[in-house]
Amino acid sequence: LEPWFVVRQAKRPSSETSVKKIKHMSSKVKNGIILLLVFLFGVWMARSYYHTPENTIETDSTVLIEKVREVCKLVTVEADLFEVYDENTHRNVTWYLPLPTNFTFTKKASIEVKGKVLVGYDLERITIDVDSTTKTLIIRNLPKPEIISIEHDVKYRKLDGSFFNEFDAKDFTRINKNAKEILREKAIEQHLLEKAEAQGTDVLGVIEFMVKGAGWNVEFKQKLFEDITKRDSLNG
């Protein structure tokens, strides 16, 4: 037996145990750093996915005035038109491998057109003569109603091209031109010219009333005056 006064010295940890503890702690730190990086990467990806970047559009344009002229037009009817139509364009391609074979490639466009059509008269064609002896105002060369202008906006709802038949700048120019022609045809189908002619007859009736109120007479050398004469005879 050892004496009671003998004090045992505590065993010191071996160098291998210390190395193992350090390695264990360093692995935990590495795992923590990796998890933190993965978490931050996930947050960045989520923000990038849900955040819509703002597009920067730079426009460089040059406005050239080709011609300026004075006009005198009377608008009697204004119509807002809307049309949706589809356009298909086909392209035939022949391959000679090994025998001649025909393939058709189609591109489709779904187009929405909104426009404003103005219908009226070109008053530059009118000739006005004044006979002061008889106090008569003679109006000749009354024009027929016409479509004065078409303001339109084209929206492409869907564009579906193929590998050998894709959309290019010429297609968009053609579609824009066709859209304007469609609005023109739509205006004619809606009898806008007839409505403009009826409005023109009423305008000429107002002119006739004002001229006669001043003690003068007015003569119209066109069909519209015949319509006014018939209307006055019916009212009389």
Protein backbone atom coordinates (compact mmCIF):
# COMPACT_ATOMS: atom_id res chain seq x y z
CA LEU A 1 0.00 0.00 0.00
CA GLU A 2 1.07 3.50 -0.71
CA PRO A 3 1.39 5.96 2.12
CA TRP A 4 -1.47 8.33 2.67
CA PHE A 5 0.70 11.35 2.11
CA VAL A 6 1.71 10.28 -1.34
CA VAL A 7 -0.06 12.51 -3.88
CA ARG A 8 -0.63 11.07 -7.29
CA GLN A 9 -0.04 13.30 -10.22
CA ALA A 10 -2.91 13.73 -12.68
CA LYS A 11 -2.48 12.05 -15.98
CA ARG A 12 -1.92 14.49 -18.80
CA PRO A 13 -3.78 13.88 -22.05
CA SER A 14 -1.67 12.42 -24.73
CA SER A 15 -0.80 14.38 -27.87
CA GLU A 16 -2.92 12.04 -30.03
CA THR A 17 -6.08 12.89 -28.05
CA SER A 18 -5.48 16.63 -28.47
CA VAL A 19 -5.00 16.27 -32.20
CA LYS A 20 -8.24 14.32 -32.49
CA LYS A 21 -10.16 17.00 -30.60
CA ILE A 22 -8.71 19.75 -32.77
CA LYS A 23 -9.58 17.86 -35.94
CA HIS A 24 -13.11 17.27 -34.66
CA MET A 25 -13.61 20.94 -33.88
CA SER A 26 -12.19 22.06 -37.22
CA SER A 27 -14.50 19.68 -39.10
CA LYS A 28 -17.48 21.18 -37.25
CA VAL A 29 -16.35 24.66 -38.20
CA LYS A 30 -15.94 23.64 -41.84
CA ASN A 31 -19.40 22.06 -41.90
CA GLY A 32 -20.87 25.18 -40.36
CA ILE A 33 -19.19 27.41 -42.95
CA ILE A 34 -20.40 25.16 -45.78
CA LEU A 35 -23.98 25.24 -44.45
CA LEU A 36 -23.83 29.02 -44.13
CA LEU A 37 -22.56 29.38 -47.71
CA VAL A 38 -25.28 27.05 -49.00
CA PHE A 39 -27.91 29.05 -47.12
CA LEU A 40 -26.64 32.37 -48.49
CA PHE A 41 -26.49 30.93 -52.03
CA GLY A 42 -30.09 29.75 -51.68
CA VAL A 43 -31.22 33.20 -50.53
CA TRP A 44 -29.43 34.81 -53.50
CA MET A 45 -31.00 32.35 -55.96
CA ALA A 46 -34.48 32.97 -54.52
CA ARG A 47 -34.11 36.73 -54.81
CA SER A 48 -32.80 36.42 -58.35
CA TYR A 49 -35.74 34.21 -59.31
CA TYR A 50 -38.51 36.35 -57.83
CA HIS A 51 -36.95 39.70 -58.57
CA THR A 52 -37.69 40.95 -62.08
CA PRO A 53 -34.78 42.97 -63.40
CA GLU A 54 -35.54 46.34 -64.93
CA ASN A 55 -34.87 46.52 -68.64
CA THR A 56 -32.95 49.51 -69.86
CA ILE A 57 -34.07 50.70 -73.29
CA GLU A 58 -32.02 53.23 -75.19
CA THR A 59 -33.65 54.99 -78.13
CA ASP A 60 -31.79 56.96 -80.74
CA SER A 61 -34.05 58.53 -83.34
CA THR A 62 -33.82 61.17 -86.04
CA VAL A 63 -36.95 63.03 -87.13
CA LEU A 64 -36.90 64.40 -90.67
CA ILE A 65 -39.70 66.58 -92.02
CA GLU A 66 -40.21 65.54 -95.62
CA LYS A 67 -43.12 67.77 -96.54
CA VAL A 68 -45.48 70.21 -94.83
CA ARG A 69 -48.69 71.31 -96.50
CA GLU A 70 -51.90 73.01 -95.53
CA VAL A 71 -55.06 70.91 -95.63
CA CYS A 72 -58.72 71.56 -95.11
CA LYS A 73 -60.62 68.45 -94.12
CA LEU A 74 -63.93 67.98 -92.38
CA VAL A 75 -64.33 64.94 -90.13
CA THR A 76 -67.94 63.86 -89.69
CA VAL A 77 -67.56 60.31 -88.33
CA GLU A 78 -65.02 58.86 -85.91
CA ALA A 79 -64.97 55.15 -85.06
CA ASP A 80 -62.88 53.01 -82.72
CA LEU A 81 -62.34 49.54 -84.18
CA PHE A 82 -60.92 46.34 -82.73
CA GLU A 83 -59.95 43.18 -84.61
CA VAL A 84 -58.18 39.92 -83.74
CA TYR A 85 -56.99 37.68 -86.55
CA ASP A 86 -54.49 34.93 -87.30
CA GLU A 87 -52.02 34.87 -90.18
CA ASN A 88 -50.25 31.77 -91.49
CA THR A 89 -47.32 31.87 -93.89
CA HIS A 90 -46.07 28.69 -95.59
CA ARG A 91 -42.69 27.99 -97.14
CA ASN A 92 -42.07 24.95 -99.31
CA VAL A 93 -38.59 23.41 -99.29
CA THR A 94 -37.41 20.55 -101.51
CA TRP A 95 -34.64 18.22 -100.34
CA TYR A 96 -32.86 15.85 -102.69
CA LEU A 97 -31.66 13.20 -100.24
CA PRO A 98 -31.75 10.77 -101.92
CA LEU A 99 -35.02 11.47 -103.76
CA PRO A 100 -36.78 14.84 -104.13
CA THR A 101 -38.94 15.37 -101.06
CA ASN A 102 -41.12 18.40 -100.37
CA PHE A 103 -41.42 19.84 -96.87
CA THR A 104 -43.69 22.68 -95.75
CA PHE A 105 -42.62 24.99 -92.93
CA THR A 106 -45.30 27.22 -91.43
CA LYS A 107 -45.08 30.31 -89.25
CA LYS A 108 -48.14 31.58 -87.43
CA ALA A 109 -48.96 34.95 -85.94
CA SER A 110 -51.89 35.91 -83.74
CA ILE A 111 -52.45 39.65 -84.02
CA GLU A 112 -54.59 42.15 -82.13
CA VAL A 113 -55.35 45.45 -83.87
CA LYS A 114 -56.88 48.54 -82.30
CA GLY A 115 -57.47 51.63 -84.35
CA LYS A 116 -59.30 54.89 -84.81
CA VAL A 117 -60.80 55.65 -88.22
CA LEU A 118 -61.72 59.19 -89.26
CA VAL A 119 -64.17 59.61 -92.13
CA GLY A 120 -65.14 62.90 -93.72
CA TYR A 121 -64.56 65.27 -96.61
CA ASP A 122 -61.62 66.90 -98.34
CA LEU A 123 -62.81 70.51 -98.59
CA GLU A 124 -59.92 71.55 -100.82
CA ARG A 125 -61.87 70.25 -103.81
CA ILE A 126 -64.81 72.58 -103.24
CA THR A 127 -65.28 75.60 -105.50
CA ILE A 128 -67.29 78.54 -104.17
CA ASP A 129 -68.63 81.31 -106.45
CA VAL A 130 -70.42 84.42 -105.25
CA ASP A 131 -73.05 86.23 -107.32
CA SER A 132 -73.55 89.54 -105.56
CA THR A 133 -76.23 90.63 -108.03
CA THR A 134 -78.63 87.88 -107.07
CA LYS A 135 -77.09 87.38 -103.62
CA THR A 136 -76.42 83.76 -104.41
CA LEU A 137 -73.65 81.56 -103.05
CA ILE A 138 -72.83 78.75 -105.50
CA ILE A 139 -70.93 75.74 -104.14
CA ARG A 140 -69.57 73.27 -106.69
CA ASN A 141 -67.49 70.09 -106.74
CA LEU A 142 -68.77 68.73 -103.48
CA PRO A 143 -66.53 65.74 -102.67
CA LYS A 144 -67.72 62.34 -101.67
CA PRO A 145 -66.93 61.08 -98.16
CA GLU A 146 -63.64 59.26 -97.76
CA ILE A 147 -61.47 57.71 -95.07
CA ILE A 148 -59.25 60.58 -94.00
CA SER A 149 -56.91 58.76 -91.63
CA ILE A 150 -56.41 55.49 -89.78
CA GLU A 151 -54.50 55.44 -86.51
CA HIS A 152 -53.77 51.88 -85.46
CA ASP A 153 -51.81 49.93 -82.88
CA VAL A 154 -50.64 46.35 -83.47
CA LYS A 155 -50.13 43.88 -80.62
CA TYR A 156 -48.58 40.48 -81.30
CA ARG A 157 -50.38 37.99 -79.10
CA LYS A 158 -48.36 34.99 -80.32
CA LEU A 159 -45.56 34.38 -82.79
CA ASP A 160 -44.78 30.80 -83.74
CA GLY A 161 -42.04 30.37 -86.35
CA SER A 162 -40.24 27.29 -87.60
CA PHE A 163 -36.57 26.56 -88.15
CA PHE A 164 -36.64 27.25 -91.88
CA ASN A 165 -39.38 29.88 -91.75
CA GLU A 166 -38.74 32.46 -89.04
CA PHE A 167 -40.10 35.97 -88.61
CA ASP A 168 -37.96 38.86 -89.81
CA ALA A 169 -38.27 42.64 -90.19
CA LYS A 170 -40.09 42.34 -93.54
CA ASP A 171 -42.77 40.18 -91.94
CA PHE A 172 -43.46 42.76 -89.23
CA THR A 173 -43.66 45.55 -91.81
CA ARG A 174 -46.09 43.51 -93.92
CA ILE A 175 -48.23 42.60 -90.89
CA ASN A 176 -48.43 46.25 -89.86
CA LYS A 177 -49.53 47.23 -93.37
CA ASN A 178 -52.10 44.44 -93.54
CA ALA A 179 -53.51 45.46 -90.16
CA LYS A 180 -54.20 48.95 -91.48
CA GLU A 181 -55.93 47.53 -94.56
CA ILE A 182 -58.07 45.29 -92.36
CA LEU A 183 -59.27 48.33 -90.41
CA ARG A 184 -60.05 50.06 -93.69
CA GLU A 185 -62.16 47.12 -94.86
CA LYS A 186 -63.82 46.94 -91.45
CA ALA A 187 -64.77 50.62 -91.69
CA ILE A 188 -66.37 50.06 -95.09
CA GLU A 189 -68.26 47.01 -93.79
CA GLN A 190 -69.61 49.08 -90.90
CA HIS A 191 -71.03 51.60 -93.43
CA LEU A 192 -68.98 54.47 -92.06
CA LEU A 193 -68.91 56.17 -95.46
CA GLU A 194 -72.72 56.21 -95.59
CA LYS A 195 -72.88 57.60 -92.06
CA ALA A 196 -70.36 60.29 -93.00
CA GLU A 197 -72.46 61.21 -96.04
CA ALA A 198 -75.55 61.59 -93.84
CA GLN A 199 -73.59 63.81 -91.48
CA GLY A 200 -72.32 65.84 -94.45
CA THR A 201 -75.89 66.40 -95.60
CA ASP A 202 -76.75 67.80 -92.19
CA VAL A 203 -73.70 70.10 -92.29
CA LEU A 204 -74.72 71.46 -95.68
CA GLY A 205 -78.22 72.00 -94.32
CA VAL A 206 -76.76 74.12 -91.52
CA ILE A 207 -74.73 76.13 -94.05
CA GLU A 208 -77.86 76.69 -96.15
CA PHE A 209 -79.80 77.84 -93.10
CA MET A 210 -77.10 80.33 -92.08
CA VAL A 211 -76.74 81.74 -95.59
CA LYS A 212 -80.49 82.23 -95.98
CA GLY A 213 -80.61 83.82 -92.55
CA ALA A 214 -78.23 86.47 -93.87
CA GLY A 215 -80.56 87.21 -96.77
CA TRP A 216 -78.64 85.22 -99.38
CA ASN A 217 -79.41 82.12 -101.41
CA VAL A 218 -77.21 79.05 -101.75
CA GLU A 219 -76.96 76.56 -104.60
CA PHE A 220 -75.27 73.17 -104.36
CA LYS A 221 -74.22 71.64 -107.64
CA GLN A 222 -74.03 68.09 -106.36
CA LYS A 223 -76.17 65.16 -105.30
CA LEU A 224 -76.06 66.21 -101.66
CA PHE A 225 -78.16 69.27 -102.48
CA GLU A 226 -80.71 67.02 -104.12
CA ASP A 227 -80.93 65.14 -100.84
CA ILE A 228 -81.44 68.44 -98.99
CA THR A 229 -84.11 69.51 -101.47
CA LYS A 230 -85.96 66.22 -101.01
CA ARG A 231 -85.71 66.56 -97.24
CA ASP A 232 -87.03 70.14 -97.30
CA SER A 233 -89.90 69.14 -99.55
CA LEU A 234 -90.84 66.33 -97.23
CA ASN A 235 -90.66 68.60 -94.22
CA GLY A 236 -92.72 71.24 -96.04
